[in-house]
Amino acid sequence: MSKIPGSGLAKGLAVTLRSMGRRSVTQEYPHQRPELPPRSRGVIALLEENCTVCMLCARECPDWCIYIDSHKETQAPTTEGGRARTRNVLDRFAIDYALCMYCGICIDVCPFDALFWSPEFEYAAHGIGDLTHERDRLRDWMWTVPAPPAAELNAEPAKELGGGGPARRRTTTDEDEPQ
C-alpha cells in the first residue's frame, strides 16, 4: 500500500488545529500558587530540639552538603555523688542546596527525627553562595511541615505525635480477652 505524499503533514496540522480550540492549562506561577500533593518534597526542615549532633546525616549524605559544628558542655550532676555529664551542643547546622540532590537519605538515617521534608519550594537566591541555608532558616521551614498521615485502625500512633519516645505496647485487659 503506497503512502499519500504529505499525509504526515496533514496529521500534524490536524493535531495543531484540535489543540488550538482547547483552553490552556498553564498556571501563571507567581500569581497563582500551584497545589502541591500532600507530602511533596521541597526543602529539608530542622527541628533543632531533637538534634543531638550525632552527625549521621552529614556522614551519610552522598553530596557532603550538610555542615555541622558543635561543642561539648559539661552538665552538673543531678544527684549528690553523681557524675558530671558531657553533652554536644549544636553551634551550626547548614545545608548547601546548591549541592543537595534531595535524595532524603539524611531524613531517613536521623534516629531522633530532627529532619523533615517541607513542601516549601521558594528559596531562590541571587548567587550560588546564597543557597547555603543556616539553622535559623531551616528552623523557619519547620512550620510548613504537614502533619503525618492518619494512622490505620489499631495502628501504633505516629512518632511525631507521641513525642518520639518508644511505642508503648497495649496490655490486654479482661474486656479485651475473647470469651
Protein backbone atom coordinates (compact mmCIF):
# COMPACT_ATOMS: atom_id res chain seq x y z
CA MET A 1 0.00 0.00 0.00
CA SER A 2 1.52 3.32 -1.00
CA LYS A 3 1.53 6.36 1.26
CA ILE A 4 -0.04 9.56 0.09
CA PRO A 5 2.58 12.30 -0.06
CA GLY A 6 2.03 14.89 2.66
CA SER A 7 -0.18 12.66 4.88
CA GLY A 8 2.17 13.17 7.86
CA LEU A 9 1.95 16.92 7.42
CA ALA A 10 -1.85 16.74 7.31
CA LYS A 11 -1.96 14.67 10.51
CA GLY A 12 0.31 17.15 12.27
CA LEU A 13 -1.82 20.09 11.18
CA ALA A 14 -4.96 18.26 12.38
CA VAL A 15 -3.43 17.85 15.86
CA THR A 16 -2.49 21.54 15.89
CA LEU A 17 -5.97 22.65 14.85
CA ARG A 18 -7.61 20.46 17.53
CA SER A 19 -5.38 21.80 20.29
CA MET A 20 -5.94 25.42 19.22
CA GLY A 21 -9.60 25.15 20.20
CA ARG A 22 -8.86 23.85 23.70
CA ARG A 23 -8.40 26.05 26.73
CA SER A 24 -4.82 26.44 28.02
CA VAL A 25 -3.96 24.82 31.37
CA THR A 26 -0.87 26.93 32.08
CA GLN A 27 -0.70 28.33 35.59
CA GLU A 28 0.69 31.84 35.96
CA TYR A 29 3.11 30.83 38.75
CA PRO A 30 3.83 33.95 40.76
CA HIS A 31 0.17 34.98 40.69
CA GLN A 32 -1.33 31.50 41.10
CA ARG A 33 0.37 29.19 43.58
CA PRO A 34 0.38 25.54 42.47
CA GLU A 35 -1.48 22.98 44.56
CA LEU A 36 1.17 20.52 45.67
CA PRO A 37 0.47 16.93 46.70
CA PRO A 38 0.26 16.49 50.50
CA ARG A 39 3.71 15.03 51.34
CA SER A 40 5.69 16.61 48.48
CA ARG A 41 9.43 17.17 48.81
CA GLY A 42 10.61 20.73 48.80
CA VAL A 43 13.35 21.60 51.29
CA ILE A 44 14.67 19.96 54.43
CA ALA A 45 13.45 21.49 57.71
CA LEU A 46 15.26 21.16 61.04
CA LEU A 47 13.65 20.55 64.42
CA GLU A 48 16.57 21.83 66.45
CA GLU A 49 15.37 20.49 69.81
CA ASN A 50 15.62 16.90 68.55
CA CYS A 51 19.12 17.22 67.09
CA THR A 52 21.77 15.52 69.24
CA VAL A 53 24.68 16.33 66.89
CA CYS A 54 25.26 12.65 66.18
CA MET A 55 26.48 13.60 62.66
CA LEU A 56 24.75 10.63 60.98
CA CYS A 57 23.04 12.90 58.46
CA ALA A 58 26.32 14.57 57.47
CA ARG A 59 28.19 11.26 57.21
CA GLU A 60 25.53 9.52 55.13
CA CYS A 61 24.95 12.43 52.74
CA PRO A 62 26.33 11.39 49.32
CA ASP A 63 26.95 15.04 48.35
CA TRP A 64 28.50 16.17 51.65
CA CYS A 65 26.23 19.22 51.62
CA ILE A 66 25.42 19.22 55.36
CA TYR A 67 27.72 21.23 57.62
CA ILE A 68 27.53 20.69 61.39
CA ASP A 69 29.63 22.33 64.11
CA SER A 70 29.25 21.64 67.82
CA HIS A 71 30.98 21.92 71.14
CA LYS A 72 30.83 19.87 74.34
CA GLU A 73 29.27 21.24 77.51
CA THR A 74 29.63 19.71 80.93
CA GLN A 75 26.44 19.44 82.95
CA ALA A 76 26.47 19.27 86.72
CA PRO A 77 25.38 16.00 88.28
CA THR A 78 21.66 15.80 89.03
CA THR A 79 22.11 13.77 92.22
CA GLU A 80 24.58 14.05 95.05
CA GLY A 81 27.61 11.90 94.40
CA GLY A 82 26.66 11.63 90.74
CA ARG A 83 28.99 12.12 87.85
CA ALA A 84 29.10 15.16 85.60
CA ARG A 85 27.84 14.51 82.05
CA THR A 86 29.08 15.96 78.81
CA ARG A 87 26.62 16.90 76.10
CA ASN A 88 27.09 18.00 72.50
CA VAL A 89 25.59 21.42 71.78
CA LEU A 90 24.72 22.43 68.24
CA ASP A 91 26.59 25.54 67.05
CA ARG A 92 25.99 25.37 63.31
CA PHE A 93 23.71 23.30 61.11
CA ALA A 94 23.68 24.30 57.45
CA ILE A 95 22.62 22.67 54.19
CA ASP A 96 24.08 23.76 50.85
CA TYR A 97 21.15 23.43 48.45
CA ALA A 98 23.47 24.12 45.51
CA LEU A 99 24.97 20.68 46.18
CA CYS A 100 21.96 18.82 47.60
CA MET A 101 20.31 16.30 45.30
CA TYR A 102 17.20 15.91 47.51
CA CYS A 103 17.62 12.17 47.97
CA GLY A 104 16.29 12.21 51.56
CA ILE A 105 18.94 9.90 53.00
CA CYS A 106 19.65 12.41 55.78
CA ILE A 107 15.99 12.35 56.82
CA ASP A 108 15.86 8.55 56.75
CA VAL A 109 19.00 8.00 58.85
CA CYS A 110 18.22 10.61 61.53
CA PRO A 111 17.48 8.49 64.63
CA PHE A 112 15.91 11.37 66.57
CA ASP A 113 13.50 12.78 63.94
CA ALA A 114 15.23 16.14 63.69
CA LEU A 115 14.94 16.45 59.88
CA PHE A 116 11.70 16.59 57.89
CA TRP A 117 10.58 17.25 54.32
CA SER A 118 8.87 20.60 53.92
CA PRO A 119 6.78 21.34 50.81
CA GLU A 120 8.28 24.84 50.63
CA PHE A 121 9.96 25.37 47.27
CA GLU A 122 10.52 29.12 47.01
CA TYR A 123 14.07 29.66 48.21
CA ALA A 124 15.76 31.16 45.17
CA ALA A 125 18.91 33.23 45.65
CA HIS A 126 20.84 35.74 43.58
CA GLY A 127 24.14 33.88 43.87
CA ILE A 128 25.15 30.27 44.26
CA GLY A 129 26.79 31.07 47.60
CA ASP A 130 23.44 32.24 48.98
CA LEU A 131 21.98 28.74 48.64
CA THR A 132 23.66 27.59 51.87
CA HIS A 133 20.92 27.95 54.48
CA GLU A 134 21.80 28.04 58.17
CA ARG A 135 19.83 26.55 61.06
CA ASP A 136 17.62 29.58 61.66
CA ARG A 137 16.28 29.39 58.10
CA LEU A 138 15.90 25.60 58.34
CA ARG A 139 14.01 26.08 61.63
CA ASP A 140 11.67 28.60 59.99
CA TRP A 141 10.65 25.98 57.41
CA MET A 142 9.57 23.62 60.21
CA TRP A 143 6.14 25.27 60.46
CA THR A 144 5.40 24.27 56.85
CA VAL A 145 5.90 20.55 57.52
CA PRO A 146 2.49 18.83 57.22
CA ALA A 147 1.15 16.58 59.95
CA PRO A 148 1.76 12.87 59.44
CA PRO A 149 -0.95 10.93 57.60
CA ALA A 150 -3.74 9.42 59.64
CA ALA A 151 -2.90 6.04 61.10
CA GLU A 152 -4.74 2.92 60.14
CA LEU A 153 -7.24 1.42 62.52
CA ASN A 154 -5.48 -0.22 65.52
CA ALA A 155 -2.05 1.05 64.39
CA GLU A 156 0.56 2.48 66.74
CA PRO A 157 0.50 6.28 66.94
CA ALA A 158 2.96 8.21 64.76
CA LYS A 159 6.29 9.17 66.33
CA GLU A 160 5.67 12.84 65.58
CA LEU A 161 2.52 12.79 67.72
CA GLY A 162 3.83 10.67 70.57
CA GLY A 163 6.89 12.76 71.37
CA GLY A 164 9.38 10.47 69.64
CA GLY A 165 9.60 8.01 72.51
CA PRO A 166 9.36 4.24 72.22
CA ALA A 167 5.97 2.90 71.26
CA ARG A 168 4.03 1.57 74.23
CA ARG A 169 2.66 -1.90 73.97
CA ARG A 170 -1.00 -2.28 74.63
CA THR A 171 -1.76 -4.53 77.55
CA THR A 172 -4.76 -6.79 77.42
CA THR A 173 -7.48 -6.39 80.00
CA ASP A 174 -10.42 -8.53 80.92
CA GLU A 175 -12.57 -6.60 78.46
CA ASP A 176 -10.24 -7.29 75.52
CA GLU A 177 -9.90 -11.04 76.04
CA PRO A 178 -12.24 -13.22 73.97
CA GLN A 179 -14.71 -15.34 75.91
